[in-house]
């Protein structure tokens, strides 16, 4: 597990290569195995492989989501509002589980913040995504994750660059 944490980096450039169905199924299983407060599992996951839809979703934010257009898979992580008071935390945990699982499968990924972000001056990123995907009104969108085969090489962060001073000692 530590090797996966060392290897995982934010990847924003992807090869034009489809992700195999078996790998998408493994990502699906990983998402559904994510821990959730009190076992409520308020999260919902939309796995998007359609290139036209990925291109639309890549415009969800004013900046910081355009690389989704080049991905082979986008996962929208959302929740049914009112099912849990800690849906943000549950969705965030599921998102990192997805990224770590993707890394273990040889995929690159990058997290895209959606909650509290804007598509334009008068439309939130969340509302934009809900329109594009025709999501139910009671859904809230936490994030999206771009996945694909990496078309860039990033070395692990060296151990000496880790911020050990942020570890508080009692």
N, C-alpha and C. Protein backbone atom coordinates (compact mmCIF):
# COMPACT_ATOMS: atom_id res chain seq x y z
N UNK A 1 0.82 -1.19 0.00
CA UNK A 1 0.00 0.00 0.00
C UNK A 1 0.86 1.26 0.00
N UNK A 2 1.93 1.25 0.77
CA UNK A 2 2.80 2.41 0.82
C UNK A 2 3.43 2.69 -0.55
N UNK A 3 3.73 1.64 -1.29
CA UNK A 3 4.28 1.83 -2.64
C UNK A 3 3.27 2.53 -3.55
N UNK A 4 1.99 2.20 -3.43
CA UNK A 4 0.95 2.86 -4.24
C UNK A 4 0.86 4.33 -3.84
N UNK A 5 0.92 4.62 -2.54
CA UNK A 5 0.88 6.01 -2.08
C UNK A 5 2.08 6.79 -2.61
N UNK A 6 3.22 6.14 -2.67
CA UNK A 6 4.41 6.81 -3.20
C UNK A 6 4.28 7.07 -4.69
N UNK A 7 3.73 6.10 -5.40
CA UNK A 7 3.63 6.18 -6.87
C UNK A 7 2.55 7.13 -7.35
N UNK A 8 1.44 7.23 -6.62
CA UNK A 8 0.29 8.01 -7.09
C UNK A 8 0.63 9.49 -7.18
N UNK A 9 0.40 10.05 -8.35
CA UNK A 9 0.59 11.47 -8.60
C UNK A 9 -0.61 11.96 -9.40
N UNK A 10 -0.84 13.25 -9.39
CA UNK A 10 -1.92 13.82 -10.19
C UNK A 10 -1.49 13.83 -11.65
N UNK A 11 -2.19 13.07 -12.46
CA UNK A 11 -1.89 12.95 -13.89
C UNK A 11 -2.98 13.68 -14.67
N UNK A 12 -2.55 14.57 -15.55
CA UNK A 12 -3.51 15.39 -16.32
C UNK A 12 -3.40 15.17 -17.83
N UNK A 13 -2.45 14.35 -18.26
CA UNK A 13 -2.34 14.02 -19.69
C UNK A 13 -2.43 12.51 -19.84
N UNK A 14 -3.29 12.10 -20.77
CA UNK A 14 -3.60 10.68 -20.93
C UNK A 14 -3.40 10.24 -22.37
N UNK A 15 -3.02 8.98 -22.55
CA UNK A 15 -2.93 8.39 -23.88
C UNK A 15 -4.34 8.18 -24.42
N UNK A 16 -4.45 8.20 -25.73
CA UNK A 16 -5.74 7.94 -26.37
C UNK A 16 -5.93 6.43 -26.42
N UNK A 17 -6.30 5.87 -25.27
CA UNK A 17 -6.42 4.42 -25.11
C UNK A 17 -7.57 4.13 -24.16
N UNK A 18 -8.48 3.29 -24.60
CA UNK A 18 -9.61 2.93 -23.75
C UNK A 18 -9.15 2.13 -22.54
N UNK A 19 -9.89 2.27 -21.47
CA UNK A 19 -9.64 1.46 -20.27
C UNK A 19 -10.48 0.19 -20.39
N UNK A 20 -9.86 -0.92 -20.16
CA UNK A 20 -10.52 -2.21 -20.29
C UNK A 20 -11.71 -2.33 -19.34
N UNK A 21 -12.74 -3.02 -19.79
CA UNK A 21 -13.95 -3.22 -18.99
C UNK A 21 -13.63 -3.83 -17.64
N UNK A 22 -12.71 -4.78 -17.60
CA UNK A 22 -12.35 -5.43 -16.33
C UNK A 22 -11.79 -4.43 -15.33
N UNK A 23 -11.02 -3.46 -15.82
CA UNK A 23 -10.45 -2.46 -14.91
C UNK A 23 -11.53 -1.51 -14.41
N UNK A 24 -12.48 -1.17 -15.27
CA UNK A 24 -13.59 -0.32 -14.83
C UNK A 24 -14.43 -1.07 -13.79
N UNK A 25 -14.60 -2.36 -13.99
CA UNK A 25 -15.33 -3.17 -13.00
C UNK A 25 -14.59 -3.20 -11.67
N UNK A 26 -13.28 -3.27 -11.71
CA UNK A 26 -12.49 -3.27 -10.46
C UNK A 26 -12.58 -1.91 -9.76
N UNK A 27 -12.59 -0.84 -10.54
CA UNK A 27 -12.77 0.49 -9.95
C UNK A 27 -14.16 0.61 -9.31
N UNK A 28 -15.14 0.06 -9.98
CA UNK A 28 -16.51 0.07 -9.44
C UNK A 28 -16.56 -0.65 -8.09
N UNK A 29 -15.93 -1.82 -8.04
CA UNK A 29 -15.90 -2.57 -6.77
C UNK A 29 -15.17 -1.77 -5.70
N UNK A 30 -14.05 -1.15 -6.05
CA UNK A 30 -13.30 -0.37 -5.08
C UNK A 30 -14.16 0.76 -4.51
N UNK A 31 -14.89 1.44 -5.39
CA UNK A 31 -15.76 2.54 -4.93
C UNK A 31 -16.79 2.03 -3.93
N UNK A 32 -17.39 0.91 -4.25
CA UNK A 32 -18.44 0.37 -3.40
C UNK A 32 -17.91 -0.22 -2.09
N UNK A 33 -16.61 -0.47 -2.01
CA UNK A 33 -15.99 -0.97 -0.78
C UNK A 33 -15.46 0.16 0.10
N UNK A 34 -15.61 1.40 -0.33
CA UNK A 34 -15.11 2.53 0.45
C UNK A 34 -15.82 2.60 1.80
N UNK A 35 -15.09 2.94 2.85
CA UNK A 35 -15.74 3.09 4.15
C UNK A 35 -16.69 4.28 4.16
N UNK A 36 -17.69 4.17 5.01
CA UNK A 36 -18.69 5.23 5.12
C UNK A 36 -19.14 5.32 6.57
N UNK A 37 -19.30 6.52 7.03
CA UNK A 37 -19.74 6.74 8.41
C UNK A 37 -21.06 6.04 8.68
N UNK A 38 -21.06 5.25 9.71
CA UNK A 38 -22.25 4.51 10.15
C UNK A 38 -22.81 3.57 9.07
N UNK A 39 -22.01 3.27 8.05
CA UNK A 39 -22.43 2.36 6.99
C UNK A 39 -23.59 2.88 6.16
N UNK A 40 -23.77 4.19 6.10
CA UNK A 40 -24.90 4.78 5.39
C UNK A 40 -24.68 4.75 3.87
N UNK A 41 -23.44 4.88 3.42
CA UNK A 41 -23.11 4.85 2.00
C UNK A 41 -23.96 5.83 1.18
N UNK A 42 -23.88 7.12 1.46
CA UNK A 42 -24.71 8.08 0.74
C UNK A 42 -24.22 8.36 -0.68
N UNK A 43 -23.01 7.89 -1.00
CA UNK A 43 -22.41 8.22 -2.29
C UNK A 43 -23.10 7.52 -3.45
N UNK A 44 -22.95 8.19 -4.60
CA UNK A 44 -23.37 7.65 -5.89
C UNK A 44 -22.21 7.91 -6.84
N UNK A 45 -21.99 7.00 -7.78
CA UNK A 45 -20.88 7.12 -8.72
C UNK A 45 -21.40 7.00 -10.14
N UNK A 46 -21.06 7.94 -10.97
CA UNK A 46 -21.40 7.86 -12.40
C UNK A 46 -20.10 7.67 -13.16
N UNK A 47 -19.98 6.55 -13.83
CA UNK A 47 -18.80 6.24 -14.63
C UNK A 47 -19.09 6.66 -16.07
N UNK A 48 -18.33 7.63 -16.56
CA UNK A 48 -18.58 8.21 -17.88
C UNK A 48 -17.41 7.88 -18.80
N UNK A 49 -17.71 7.22 -19.92
CA UNK A 49 -16.68 6.91 -20.92
C UNK A 49 -16.96 7.58 -22.27
N UNK A 50 -18.15 8.10 -22.45
CA UNK A 50 -18.51 8.75 -23.70
C UNK A 50 -17.69 10.03 -23.88
N UNK A 51 -16.95 10.11 -25.00
CA UNK A 51 -16.03 11.23 -25.23
C UNK A 51 -16.75 12.57 -25.29
N UNK A 52 -17.94 12.61 -25.89
CA UNK A 52 -18.68 13.88 -25.97
C UNK A 52 -19.10 14.35 -24.58
N UNK A 53 -19.52 13.42 -23.74
CA UNK A 53 -19.93 13.78 -22.38
C UNK A 53 -18.72 14.19 -21.56
N UNK A 54 -17.60 13.50 -21.73
CA UNK A 54 -16.37 13.90 -21.02
C UNK A 54 -15.96 15.32 -21.43
N UNK A 55 -16.10 15.64 -22.71
CA UNK A 55 -15.77 16.98 -23.18
C UNK A 55 -16.69 18.02 -22.53
N UNK A 56 -17.97 17.71 -22.42
CA UNK A 56 -18.89 18.64 -21.74
C UNK A 56 -18.52 18.81 -20.28
N UNK A 57 -18.25 17.69 -19.61
CA UNK A 57 -17.90 17.74 -18.19
C UNK A 57 -16.57 18.48 -17.97
N UNK A 58 -15.69 18.45 -18.96
CA UNK A 58 -14.39 19.13 -18.82
C UNK A 58 -14.56 20.65 -18.72
N UNK A 59 -15.73 21.15 -19.03
CA UNK A 59 -16.02 22.59 -18.93
C UNK A 59 -16.78 22.93 -17.65
N UNK A 60 -16.77 22.04 -16.68
CA UNK A 60 -17.55 22.23 -15.45
C UNK A 60 -17.06 23.41 -14.62
N UNK A 61 -15.78 23.72 -14.71
CA UNK A 61 -15.21 24.80 -13.91
C UNK A 61 -14.55 25.82 -14.82
N UNK A 62 -14.40 27.02 -14.28
CA UNK A 62 -13.73 28.07 -15.05
C UNK A 62 -12.29 27.68 -15.35
N UNK A 63 -11.65 26.94 -14.44
CA UNK A 63 -10.32 26.38 -14.69
C UNK A 63 -10.15 25.15 -13.81
N UNK A 64 -9.27 24.26 -14.24
CA UNK A 64 -8.96 23.10 -13.42
C UNK A 64 -9.75 21.85 -13.73
N UNK A 65 -10.48 21.82 -14.86
CA UNK A 65 -11.19 20.60 -15.22
C UNK A 65 -11.02 20.24 -16.69
N UNK A 66 -10.30 21.07 -17.46
CA UNK A 66 -10.20 20.86 -18.90
C UNK A 66 -9.53 19.55 -19.28
N UNK A 67 -8.63 19.05 -18.46
CA UNK A 67 -7.92 17.81 -18.77
C UNK A 67 -8.84 16.59 -18.80
N UNK A 68 -10.04 16.71 -18.25
CA UNK A 68 -10.99 15.60 -18.29
C UNK A 68 -11.34 15.24 -19.74
N UNK A 69 -11.26 16.20 -20.63
CA UNK A 69 -11.56 15.98 -22.05
C UNK A 69 -10.65 14.90 -22.64
N UNK A 70 -9.41 14.82 -22.19
CA UNK A 70 -8.47 13.84 -22.71
C UNK A 70 -8.47 12.50 -21.99
N UNK A 71 -9.28 12.39 -20.95
CA UNK A 71 -9.33 11.15 -20.17
C UNK A 71 -10.18 10.10 -20.88
N UNK A 72 -9.96 8.85 -20.53
CA UNK A 72 -10.78 7.75 -21.06
C UNK A 72 -11.98 7.48 -20.18
N UNK A 73 -11.92 7.93 -18.93
CA UNK A 73 -12.98 7.69 -17.97
C UNK A 73 -13.06 8.88 -17.02
N UNK A 74 -14.26 9.28 -16.74
CA UNK A 74 -14.50 10.26 -15.69
C UNK A 74 -15.48 9.66 -14.71
N UNK A 75 -15.20 9.81 -13.44
CA UNK A 75 -16.12 9.34 -12.41
C UNK A 75 -16.64 10.56 -11.66
N UNK A 76 -17.94 10.72 -11.67
CA UNK A 76 -18.58 11.79 -10.92
C UNK A 76 -18.99 11.20 -9.58
N UNK A 77 -18.50 11.81 -8.51
CA UNK A 77 -18.79 11.33 -7.16
C UNK A 77 -19.79 12.30 -6.54
N UNK A 78 -20.96 11.77 -6.23
CA UNK A 78 -22.02 12.62 -5.67
C UNK A 78 -22.74 11.85 -4.57
N UNK A 79 -23.73 12.48 -3.98
CA UNK A 79 -24.48 11.86 -2.90
C UNK A 79 -25.94 12.29 -2.98
N UNK A 80 -26.77 11.50 -2.35
CA UNK A 80 -28.17 11.87 -2.21
C UNK A 80 -28.28 12.74 -0.97
N UNK A 81 -28.66 13.99 -1.19
CA UNK A 81 -28.75 14.95 -0.09
C UNK A 81 -29.71 14.46 0.98
N UNK A 82 -29.30 14.62 2.23
CA UNK A 82 -30.16 14.24 3.35
C UNK A 82 -29.96 12.83 3.85
N UNK A 83 -29.21 12.00 3.12
CA UNK A 83 -28.97 10.63 3.60
C UNK A 83 -27.96 10.57 4.74
N UNK A 84 -27.05 11.55 4.76
CA UNK A 84 -26.00 11.53 5.77
C UNK A 84 -25.52 12.96 6.01
N UNK A 85 -25.21 13.25 7.26
CA UNK A 85 -24.67 14.56 7.58
C UNK A 85 -23.18 14.67 7.26
N UNK A 86 -22.54 13.56 6.92
CA UNK A 86 -21.12 13.56 6.59
C UNK A 86 -20.89 13.04 5.16
N UNK A 87 -21.79 13.38 4.26
CA UNK A 87 -21.65 12.93 2.87
C UNK A 87 -20.37 13.45 2.23
N UNK A 88 -19.94 14.66 2.59
CA UNK A 88 -18.72 15.22 2.01
C UNK A 88 -17.53 14.32 2.36
N UNK A 89 -17.43 13.96 3.61
CA UNK A 89 -16.33 13.11 4.05
C UNK A 89 -16.42 11.74 3.39
N UNK A 90 -17.61 11.15 3.36
CA UNK A 90 -17.77 9.83 2.75
C UNK A 90 -17.41 9.84 1.27
N UNK A 91 -17.85 10.87 0.55
CA UNK A 91 -17.52 10.97 -0.88
C UNK A 91 -16.03 11.18 -1.09
N UNK A 92 -15.40 11.97 -0.23
CA UNK A 92 -13.98 12.23 -0.37
C UNK A 92 -13.16 10.97 -0.11
N UNK A 93 -13.55 10.20 0.89
CA UNK A 93 -12.88 8.93 1.15
C UNK A 93 -13.02 8.01 -0.05
N UNK A 94 -14.22 7.91 -0.60
CA UNK A 94 -14.45 7.06 -1.77
C UNK A 94 -13.60 7.52 -2.96
N UNK A 95 -13.46 8.84 -3.11
CA UNK A 95 -12.68 9.37 -4.23
C UNK A 95 -11.21 8.95 -4.13
N UNK A 96 -10.62 9.03 -2.95
CA UNK A 96 -9.22 8.64 -2.84
C UNK A 96 -9.06 7.13 -2.97
N UNK A 97 -10.05 6.38 -2.49
CA UNK A 97 -10.01 4.92 -2.70
C UNK A 97 -9.99 4.62 -4.20
N UNK A 98 -10.82 5.33 -4.96
CA UNK A 98 -10.85 5.15 -6.42
C UNK A 98 -9.48 5.48 -7.03
N UNK A 99 -8.88 6.59 -6.60
CA UNK A 99 -7.58 6.97 -7.16
C UNK A 99 -6.50 5.95 -6.83
N UNK A 100 -6.49 5.47 -5.61
CA UNK A 100 -5.48 4.47 -5.23
C UNK A 100 -5.70 3.16 -5.99
N UNK A 101 -6.96 2.77 -6.14
CA UNK A 101 -7.26 1.55 -6.92
C UNK A 101 -6.82 1.74 -8.36
N UNK A 102 -7.09 2.92 -8.92
CA UNK A 102 -6.65 3.20 -10.29
C UNK A 102 -5.15 3.09 -10.44
N UNK A 103 -4.43 3.64 -9.51
CA UNK A 103 -2.97 3.56 -9.53
C UNK A 103 -2.51 2.11 -9.50
N UNK A 104 -3.15 1.30 -8.68
CA UNK A 104 -2.77 -0.12 -8.59
C UNK A 104 -3.05 -0.87 -9.89
N UNK A 105 -3.93 -0.31 -10.72
CA UNK A 105 -4.28 -0.93 -12.01
C UNK A 105 -3.47 -0.34 -13.17
N UNK A 106 -2.51 0.54 -12.86
CA UNK A 106 -1.70 1.14 -13.89
C UNK A 106 -2.31 2.37 -14.54
N UNK A 107 -3.34 2.93 -13.91
CA UNK A 107 -4.02 4.11 -14.44
C UNK A 107 -3.55 5.37 -13.73
N UNK A 108 -3.54 6.45 -14.46
CA UNK A 108 -3.30 7.75 -13.87
C UNK A 108 -4.65 8.40 -13.58
N UNK A 109 -4.66 9.32 -12.63
CA UNK A 109 -5.91 9.99 -12.29
C UNK A 109 -5.62 11.38 -11.74
N UNK A 110 -6.67 12.18 -11.72
CA UNK A 110 -6.57 13.49 -11.09
C UNK A 110 -7.95 13.87 -10.57
N UNK A 111 -7.98 14.35 -9.35
CA UNK A 111 -9.19 14.77 -8.64
C UNK A 111 -9.59 16.15 -9.10
N UNK A 112 -10.88 16.38 -9.31
CA UNK A 112 -11.38 17.68 -9.74
C UNK A 112 -12.41 18.15 -8.72
N UNK A 113 -12.07 19.18 -7.98
CA UNK A 113 -12.98 19.76 -6.98
C UNK A 113 -14.21 20.33 -7.69
N UNK A 114 -15.39 20.00 -7.22
CA UNK A 114 -16.63 20.55 -7.78
C UNK A 114 -17.41 21.32 -6.72
N UNK A 115 -17.54 20.74 -5.54
CA UNK A 115 -18.30 21.40 -4.47
C UNK A 115 -17.73 22.78 -4.19
N UNK A 116 -18.59 23.77 -4.16
CA UNK A 116 -18.22 25.16 -3.89
C UNK A 116 -17.35 25.78 -4.98
N UNK A 117 -17.47 25.28 -6.21
CA UNK A 117 -16.75 25.86 -7.35
C UNK A 117 -17.78 26.35 -8.36
N UNK A 118 -17.32 27.23 -9.26
CA UNK A 118 -18.23 27.85 -10.22
C UNK A 118 -17.90 27.46 -11.65
N UNK A 119 -18.95 27.25 -12.43
CA UNK A 119 -18.84 27.04 -13.87
C UNK A 119 -18.72 28.40 -14.56
N UNK A 120 -19.53 29.33 -14.10
CA UNK A 120 -19.54 30.70 -14.63
C UNK A 120 -19.97 31.62 -13.49
N UNK A 121 -20.08 32.89 -13.77
CA UNK A 121 -20.42 33.83 -12.71
C UNK A 121 -21.81 33.60 -12.12
N UNK A 122 -22.68 32.95 -12.85
CA UNK A 122 -24.04 32.75 -12.35
C UNK A 122 -24.49 31.28 -12.31
N UNK A 123 -23.55 30.35 -12.48
CA UNK A 123 -23.91 28.93 -12.46
C UNK A 123 -22.81 28.14 -11.74
N UNK A 124 -23.19 27.38 -10.72
CA UNK A 124 -22.20 26.58 -10.00
C UNK A 124 -21.76 25.39 -10.85
N UNK A 125 -20.59 24.89 -10.56
CA UNK A 125 -20.10 23.69 -11.24
C UNK A 125 -21.05 22.52 -11.00
N UNK A 126 -21.54 22.43 -9.78
CA UNK A 126 -22.46 21.35 -9.43
C UNK A 126 -23.73 21.42 -10.29
N UNK A 127 -24.32 22.59 -10.42
CA UNK A 127 -25.54 22.71 -11.22
C UNK A 127 -25.26 22.45 -12.69
N UNK A 128 -24.09 22.85 -13.18
CA UNK A 128 -23.72 22.57 -14.55
C UNK A 128 -23.67 21.06 -14.78
N UNK A 129 -23.01 20.33 -13.89
CA UNK A 129 -22.90 18.87 -14.03
C UNK A 129 -24.27 18.22 -13.93
N UNK A 130 -25.09 18.68 -13.01
CA UNK A 130 -26.43 18.12 -12.88
C UNK A 130 -27.24 18.29 -14.17
N UNK A 131 -27.03 19.41 -14.85
CA UNK A 131 -27.72 19.63 -16.14
C UNK A 131 -27.17 18.70 -17.22
N UNK A 132 -25.84 18.61 -17.31
CA UNK A 132 -25.21 17.78 -18.34
C UNK A 132 -25.64 16.32 -18.18
N UNK A 133 -25.69 15.84 -16.95
CA UNK A 133 -25.97 14.42 -16.70
C UNK A 133 -27.42 14.15 -16.33
N UNK A 134 -28.22 15.19 -16.27
CA UNK A 134 -29.63 15.05 -15.90
C UNK A 134 -29.77 14.32 -14.56
N UNK A 135 -29.01 14.80 -13.57
CA UNK A 135 -29.04 14.19 -12.24
C UNK A 135 -30.28 14.66 -11.47
N UNK A 136 -30.76 13.84 -10.57
CA UNK A 136 -31.89 14.26 -9.73
C UNK A 136 -31.57 15.52 -8.93
N UNK A 137 -32.57 16.31 -8.67
CA UNK A 137 -32.40 17.58 -7.96
C UNK A 137 -31.79 17.38 -6.57
N UNK A 138 -32.09 16.26 -5.91
CA UNK A 138 -31.60 16.05 -4.55
C UNK A 138 -30.16 15.55 -4.49
N UNK A 139 -29.48 15.41 -5.64
CA UNK A 139 -28.09 14.99 -5.64
C UNK A 139 -27.18 16.19 -5.42
N UNK A 140 -26.10 15.97 -4.68
CA UNK A 140 -25.05 16.97 -4.49
C UNK A 140 -23.75 16.37 -5.03
N UNK A 141 -22.99 17.17 -5.74
CA UNK A 141 -21.77 16.68 -6.40
C UNK A 141 -20.55 17.14 -5.61
N UNK A 142 -19.75 16.19 -5.20
CA UNK A 142 -18.52 16.48 -4.47
C UNK A 142 -17.35 16.75 -5.42
N UNK A 143 -17.14 15.82 -6.37
CA UNK A 143 -15.96 15.92 -7.22
C UNK A 143 -16.12 15.07 -8.46
N UNK A 144 -15.16 15.20 -9.35
CA UNK A 144 -15.01 14.28 -10.47
C UNK A 144 -13.57 13.79 -10.43
N UNK A 145 -13.35 12.63 -11.01
CA UNK A 145 -12.00 12.09 -11.12
C UNK A 145 -11.76 11.69 -12.56
N UNK A 146 -10.69 12.19 -13.15
CA UNK A 146 -10.27 11.80 -14.49
C UNK A 146 -9.37 10.59 -14.39
N UNK A 147 -9.58 9.61 -15.27
CA UNK A 147 -8.74 8.40 -15.32
C UNK A 147 -8.29 8.15 -16.75
N UNK A 148 -7.11 7.59 -16.88
CA UNK A 148 -6.60 7.18 -18.18
C UNK A 148 -5.21 6.61 -18.03
N UNK A 149 -4.69 6.11 -19.14
CA UNK A 149 -3.32 5.65 -19.13
C UNK A 149 -2.42 6.88 -19.23
N UNK A 150 -1.49 7.04 -18.30
CA UNK A 150 -0.69 8.27 -18.24
C UNK A 150 0.11 8.53 -19.52
N UNK A 151 0.10 9.78 -19.94
CA UNK A 151 0.92 10.22 -21.05
C UNK A 151 1.91 11.27 -20.53
N UNK A 152 2.29 11.11 -19.29
CA UNK A 152 3.32 11.94 -18.66
C UNK A 152 3.93 11.12 -17.54
N UNK A 153 5.20 11.36 -17.28
CA UNK A 153 5.90 10.65 -16.21
C UNK A 153 6.15 11.62 -15.07
N UNK A 154 5.75 11.19 -13.89
CA UNK A 154 6.02 11.99 -12.69
C UNK A 154 6.66 11.06 -11.66
N UNK A 155 7.79 11.48 -11.18
CA UNK A 155 8.48 10.72 -10.16
C UNK A 155 7.77 10.87 -8.82
N UNK A 156 7.87 9.88 -7.97
CA UNK A 156 7.32 10.04 -6.61
C UNK A 156 7.99 11.22 -5.91
N UNK A 157 7.25 11.85 -5.01
CA UNK A 157 7.84 12.93 -4.22
C UNK A 157 8.93 12.31 -3.34
N UNK A 158 10.15 12.85 -3.41
CA UNK A 158 11.23 12.28 -2.60
C UNK A 158 10.92 12.39 -1.10
N UNK A 159 11.36 11.40 -0.36
CA UNK A 159 11.13 11.35 1.08
C UNK A 159 11.59 12.62 1.77
N UNK A 160 12.71 13.17 1.32
CA UNK A 160 13.24 14.37 1.97
C UNK A 160 12.40 15.62 1.71
N UNK A 161 11.48 15.55 0.76
CA UNK A 161 10.58 16.69 0.51
C UNK A 161 9.26 16.57 1.27
N UNK A 162 9.05 15.46 1.95
CA UNK A 162 7.84 15.32 2.75
C UNK A 162 7.91 16.30 3.93
N UNK A 163 6.80 16.85 4.30
CA UNK A 163 6.76 17.90 5.32
C UNK A 163 6.60 17.29 6.72
N UNK A 164 7.67 16.65 7.18
CA UNK A 164 7.64 15.99 8.48
C UNK A 164 7.36 16.96 9.63
N UNK A 165 7.63 18.25 9.42
CA UNK A 165 7.38 19.23 10.47
C UNK A 165 5.88 19.39 10.75
N UNK A 166 5.05 18.87 9.88
CA UNK A 166 3.59 18.95 10.11
C UNK A 166 3.08 17.80 10.95
N UNK A 167 3.96 16.91 11.33
CA UNK A 167 3.61 15.83 12.25
C UNK A 167 3.83 16.36 13.66
N UNK A 168 2.75 16.52 14.40
CA UNK A 168 2.83 17.06 15.75
C UNK A 168 3.15 15.96 16.74
N UNK A 169 3.98 16.27 17.67
CA UNK A 169 4.38 15.29 18.68
C UNK A 169 3.74 15.67 20.00
N UNK A 170 3.30 14.66 20.72
CA UNK A 170 2.69 14.93 22.02
C UNK A 170 3.69 14.77 23.14
